[in-house]
């Protein structure tokens, strides 16, 4: 804890160094999922990341994790360039709920690190990340956090005429070509949306060898990672009936994704993925007495992917899933001489999940879950209070064997002291639980794509987490400063323990439980100066340890970064530098990773012609061609991150 405090103090002092600055425009953006009450980012009493507009366009990458990497408290669990799952404060997989407009992604991304998420960052309007107690409104699977991808596939507003856009970009590091387009139109009370994206890339270029310490440099891959080419395409059609602020709509999305996994040996594994998804969503204002709004969203996904081994079909994963969420916003209610705003809701999901084939390690299982939640908020003098509660039931019924049932309870309380007009302290406390997932309970077999032999435990208990968070936020006309400190103790934490033995020519892993502690901080300062310039300095750190000794694997070490933005007339530019510390506490039987520095740059030129906006952009990443082996990557010893890359593109909006 001593070293943690030292790091934190140093970063706060560095970030708060006095600089010359000038007035800035204060742009408020509405957060949809972080608060049921449609607040701006600055008004939300909890840690939340919002990526939208030009920031989202500039950050968008091939995977969701890569898009969010570098956001406060967020990193990417890469498994080669085709897979990047978000990590929030050191937690991922079944502890981070990835959603499409508040309904789950309904794929197989949580079951294994080599499974990509089916959401496309390039089609998003906003991506929101909830950290800490705020995430508990979304249930057991959100104990670590929530990533919510918001788009316009089901329109909620009638467009003014025909609107849309298109983008074409190419990256040198893997010769990736991406095209994306969307179109919106209206006819009477009906609004229509159509979008599509197509991506094609070759093997990834890297500095040096793919393998960290090749035994035979003469035969080792150098300068590129073999079998990392990818092809994907996705398309959506949506239509809504809109009457004022009320609407109901449907959408259909089709996704095909084929990507290679970096090889660890002679076997080449590719993932051939397909998903068709249907969504029905609606909102009704003043539905009945006592309530302001009723919102409902129901989704169904037919998902499958086949793991191709040296060109031959291997294990096939399928997920026939349904998920729905209904939420009611109540009218203000006076209790104890206080006015309370609140939201109540229910969420339910049902899926048939299976892994089929000779190397299937998860039995076919019917999985059902249901939860009910309530969030209430009130103000008194300079204090804001928020209380939340949710209860869930999960049942997993395998084709063979007994059903396994778990009940979980999540409770949260947050208070914010607005001690000046632009400064506030917040304290959040949450008691939450997570039910074990199907692979943690029932896995038993080889998974060649990850080079592992997985063994589950049907007797695993629910995880129980106690999370305490202290935050400070200063939102001034001339700068923004925020910092959060968190301490999260998880009883019966479930993790795959490296057995340090070989089973069927694969490394053996056993799902087991032990008490664990996650603690850390996140600090950020944003300062506009000299009219057209903006400076950002940030740092974050998470330490994850087992209470009985030892460190948890694949934890991102301390990061410090800064970026400088310029925006004037038709030009905008960015220069950023990030430092990641050495990870010298990698966990049992895991390798350390070296520190690294990464420098990126971008320049855009935007002009108008005949009512259409055109943007030409040039982006360079990893300018120094640094060898980067991320501590959070499962394949860090055989697949470093991309080398120097130059991306050029054009964006059109009308």
Foldseek 3Di string as FASTA:
>chain_A
DVVQVVVVVVQVVVQPPDDFFDFDDDDWDWDVQLDVPGGTPLPRQADKDKAADPRLVVLFDQAPQSSCDPPWQWHWADQFRNATFIDGLQDGQQQEAEEEQLHGQQACCSVDRVDHRPDHSVQFRMKMKGADQSQCVNHQSNNGIYIYTYHCLAPQDADDAKWKKKKWKAKDQFRKIKIKIKIWHDDVQKIKIKIKMKIWTHWGFAAFFLFQDDPDVVPTDTGTFPQFTKIKMKMKIKMWGYDPRKIKIKMKMKMWIKGWGRDPDDKTKIKTKIKIKMKIWIKDACPDPFFGMKIKMKMWMWIKIFIAIVNHTAKMKTKGKIKMKMKTWGDFDADPNWTKTKMKIKMKMWIFIDIDHPFTFFATKIKIKMKIKMKIWTDDDQKIKIKMKMKMKMWIGGPDDHIAIAIKIKIKMKMWGCPDPFKIKMKMKMKIKHDDDRCQQGTAGDDVSLLEGEAHHVPQHIKIKIKIKIKMWGDDSFKIKIKMWMKMKIFFDWDWQFPPDADPNGTYTYTGTAIKMKIKMKIKMWGHRPVFKIKIKIKIAIFMAGPVGAGEAQGFGIKIKMKMWGDDDFKIKMKMKMKGQKAPRHTPPDDTFHIDMKIKMKMWGWDDDPRKIKIKMKIKIRQVSDFAQHRNYSSSSSGTDHGIMMMIMMMMID
